[in-house]
């Protein structure tokens, strides 16, 4: 297994919650909500760094040209573009990406990332990923997120069976 991290950008969602800025035909990940680039473009840039392979994209058929145009505009070539024949949500998209990555690079280290998040410090985010890589290589599933202040049924939550190692308890916010 190599130390290269293979990012998967999930960019097939409908993103209709921010109507009228985003809509079913042009969801929020492709809109310039914060700055001069779309959230999708910023997400692609965030993982375009040393130690990261070109991103694999998982998107809906309706957005196949948008993702390619937006990546071309920032000069980031994708490793692969996977088109969902129908929307089956996050788990199916991750499964398809994992199977495609395993066929291309067996036992590779995969990072799954939504393409519509705002992360103010990309370098700190990459540092957190690098710190978590050894645990992922050892077969652990690693998640990143904000420290919740309450349970939220709209998002769910995780309860840990034991405290994480010191490397994971660092607050990267």
Protein backbone atom coordinates (compact mmCIF):
# COMPACT_ATOMS: atom_id res chain seq x y z
CA UNK A 1 0.00 0.00 0.00
CA UNK A 2 1.25 3.44 -0.87
CA UNK A 3 1.11 6.53 1.33
CA UNK A 4 -0.74 8.46 -1.38
CA UNK A 5 -4.23 9.47 -0.33
CA UNK A 6 -6.88 9.02 -3.03
CA UNK A 7 -9.64 11.62 -2.61
CA UNK A 8 -13.21 10.90 -3.67
CA UNK A 9 -15.38 13.98 -4.12
CA UNK A 10 -19.10 13.35 -3.81
CA UNK A 11 -20.82 15.83 -6.09
CA UNK A 12 -24.10 14.27 -7.16
CA UNK A 13 -26.49 15.75 -4.61
CA UNK A 14 -29.41 17.93 -5.60
CA UNK A 15 -28.49 20.79 -3.24
CA UNK A 16 -31.91 22.40 -3.34
CA UNK A 17 -31.91 23.74 0.25
CA UNK A 18 -30.40 27.06 -0.82
CA UNK A 19 -33.02 27.93 -3.42
CA UNK A 20 -33.04 30.23 -5.31
CA UNK A 21 -29.21 30.35 -5.37
CA UNK A 22 -29.05 26.64 -5.99
CA UNK A 23 -31.64 24.45 -7.60
CA UNK A 24 -32.04 20.90 -8.82
CA UNK A 25 -30.49 21.69 -12.20
CA UNK A 26 -27.54 23.58 -10.65
CA UNK A 27 -26.99 22.56 -7.02
CA UNK A 28 -25.05 24.42 -4.36
CA UNK A 29 -21.75 22.58 -4.87
CA UNK A 30 -21.42 24.20 -8.31
CA UNK A 31 -22.42 27.72 -7.23
CA UNK A 32 -19.94 30.42 -6.19
CA UNK A 33 -21.32 30.96 -2.69
CA UNK A 34 -18.08 31.91 -0.95
CA UNK A 35 -15.42 33.60 -3.06
CA UNK A 36 -14.55 33.37 -6.74
CA UNK A 37 -14.82 29.58 -7.06
CA UNK A 38 -17.63 27.12 -6.51
CA UNK A 39 -17.69 24.96 -3.39
CA UNK A 40 -16.85 22.01 -5.65
CA UNK A 41 -13.79 23.79 -7.06
CA UNK A 42 -12.61 24.77 -3.58
CA UNK A 43 -13.07 21.14 -2.47
CA UNK A 44 -10.97 19.92 -5.40
CA UNK A 45 -8.23 22.46 -4.61
CA UNK A 46 -8.26 21.41 -0.95
CA UNK A 47 -7.07 17.92 -1.91
CA UNK A 48 -4.80 18.94 -4.79
CA UNK A 49 -1.58 18.79 -2.78
CA UNK A 50 1.52 16.70 -2.26
CA UNK A 51 0.59 13.23 -1.06
CA UNK A 52 -2.82 13.30 -2.74
CA UNK A 53 -3.73 11.59 -6.01
CA UNK A 54 -6.03 13.29 -8.51
CA UNK A 55 -9.63 13.12 -7.28
CA UNK A 56 -12.23 10.57 -8.22
CA UNK A 57 -15.60 12.22 -8.74
CA UNK A 58 -18.97 10.62 -8.10
CA UNK A 59 -21.74 12.62 -9.66
CA UNK A 60 -25.16 12.42 -11.26
CA UNK A 61 -25.54 12.14 -15.01
CA UNK A 62 -27.02 15.66 -15.12
CA UNK A 63 -23.79 17.13 -13.71
CA UNK A 64 -21.17 15.17 -15.68
CA UNK A 65 -20.28 18.12 -17.88
CA UNK A 66 -20.37 20.68 -15.06
CA UNK A 67 -17.81 18.76 -12.98
CA UNK A 68 -15.46 18.41 -15.93
CA UNK A 69 -15.81 22.07 -16.94
CA UNK A 70 -15.27 23.31 -13.39
CA UNK A 71 -12.20 21.11 -12.87
CA UNK A 72 -10.76 22.16 -16.22
CA UNK A 73 -11.22 25.81 -15.21
CA UNK A 74 -8.92 25.27 -12.20
CA UNK A 75 -6.61 22.89 -14.09
CA UNK A 76 -7.16 19.81 -11.91
CA UNK A 77 -7.57 16.62 -13.92
CA UNK A 78 -9.73 13.93 -12.34
CA UNK A 79 -8.48 10.38 -11.85
CA UNK A 80 -11.93 9.11 -12.77
CA UNK A 81 -15.52 10.32 -13.06
CA UNK A 82 -18.17 7.89 -11.90
CA UNK A 83 -21.71 8.60 -13.08
CA UNK A 84 -24.57 7.46 -10.88
CA UNK A 85 -27.27 5.95 -13.09
CA UNK A 86 -29.81 6.96 -10.44
CA UNK A 87 -29.51 8.65 -7.08
CA UNK A 88 -28.94 6.07 -4.35
CA UNK A 89 -27.41 8.43 -1.76
CA UNK A 90 -24.05 8.51 -0.03
CA UNK A 91 -23.40 4.86 0.87
CA UNK A 92 -23.90 3.65 -2.70
CA UNK A 93 -21.69 6.44 -4.07
CA UNK A 94 -18.91 5.56 -1.62
CA UNK A 95 -19.23 1.86 -2.44
CA UNK A 96 -18.93 2.54 -6.18
CA UNK A 97 -15.88 4.74 -5.59
CA UNK A 98 -14.25 2.13 -3.33
CA UNK A 99 -14.75 -0.61 -5.92
CA UNK A 100 -13.38 1.57 -8.72
CA UNK A 101 -10.38 2.63 -6.64
CA UNK A 102 -9.62 -0.94 -5.57
CA UNK A 103 -9.66 -2.02 -9.23
CA UNK A 104 -7.27 0.81 -10.14
CA UNK A 105 -5.06 0.85 -7.02
CA UNK A 106 -5.62 -2.15 -4.74
CA UNK A 107 -5.40 -1.39 -1.00
CA UNK A 108 -5.14 2.36 -1.64
CA UNK A 109 -5.99 4.82 1.10
CA UNK A 110 -9.30 6.54 0.24
CA UNK A 111 -10.55 9.88 1.55
CA UNK A 112 -14.26 10.51 0.97
CA UNK A 113 -15.27 14.15 0.98
CA UNK A 114 -18.46 16.03 0.20
CA UNK A 115 -17.97 18.75 -2.37
CA UNK A 116 -20.14 21.38 -0.71
CA UNK A 117 -18.41 22.04 2.61
CA UNK A 118 -16.65 25.22 3.63
CA UNK A 119 -13.37 24.47 5.41
CA UNK A 120 -11.59 27.73 6.22
CA UNK A 121 -8.08 26.29 6.67
CA UNK A 122 -7.26 23.71 3.97
CA UNK A 123 -3.72 23.17 5.25
CA UNK A 124 -5.00 22.31 8.71
CA UNK A 125 -7.55 19.94 7.15
CA UNK A 126 -4.76 18.18 5.23
CA UNK A 127 -2.72 17.99 8.46
CA UNK A 128 -5.65 16.23 10.15
CA UNK A 129 -5.88 13.78 7.25
CA UNK A 130 -2.15 13.09 7.42
CA UNK A 131 -2.36 12.52 11.18
CA UNK A 132 -5.20 10.04 10.69
CA UNK A 133 -3.58 8.15 7.80
CA UNK A 134 -1.66 5.62 9.97
CA UNK A 135 -4.88 4.52 11.70
CA UNK A 136 -6.64 4.21 8.35
CA UNK A 137 -3.74 2.13 7.01
CA UNK A 138 -4.20 -0.15 10.00
CA UNK A 139 -7.79 -0.77 8.90
CA UNK A 140 -9.64 1.71 11.09
CA UNK A 141 -12.43 3.84 9.73
CA UNK A 142 -11.63 7.51 10.43
CA UNK A 143 -14.22 10.28 10.35
CA UNK A 144 -13.75 14.05 10.40
CA UNK A 145 -16.28 16.58 11.53
CA UNK A 146 -17.10 19.35 13.88
CA UNK A 147 -17.41 18.77 17.61
CA UNK A 148 -21.18 18.63 18.18
CA UNK A 149 -22.84 20.60 20.93
CA UNK A 150 -26.03 18.51 20.87
CA UNK A 151 -27.51 15.43 19.19
CA UNK A 152 -29.06 16.28 15.84
CA UNK A 153 -31.40 13.75 14.28
CA UNK A 154 -30.99 15.42 10.90
CA UNK A 155 -27.31 14.46 10.84
CA UNK A 156 -26.95 11.67 13.38
CA UNK A 157 -24.00 11.26 15.70
CA UNK A 158 -21.35 8.78 16.71
CA UNK A 159 -20.74 7.38 20.16
CA UNK A 160 -17.19 6.12 20.67
CA UNK A 161 -16.58 2.77 22.31
CA UNK A 162 -13.26 4.08 23.63
CA UNK A 163 -11.35 7.33 23.63
CA UNK A 164 -9.35 7.98 20.44
CA UNK A 165 -5.58 8.05 20.43
CA UNK A 166 -3.98 11.41 21.19
CA UNK A 167 -3.34 12.08 17.48
CA UNK A 168 -7.09 12.05 16.85
CA UNK A 169 -8.27 14.01 19.82
CA UNK A 170 -6.59 17.18 18.58
CA UNK A 171 -9.02 19.93 17.78
CA UNK A 172 -8.24 21.15 14.26
CA UNK A 173 -10.80 23.93 14.28
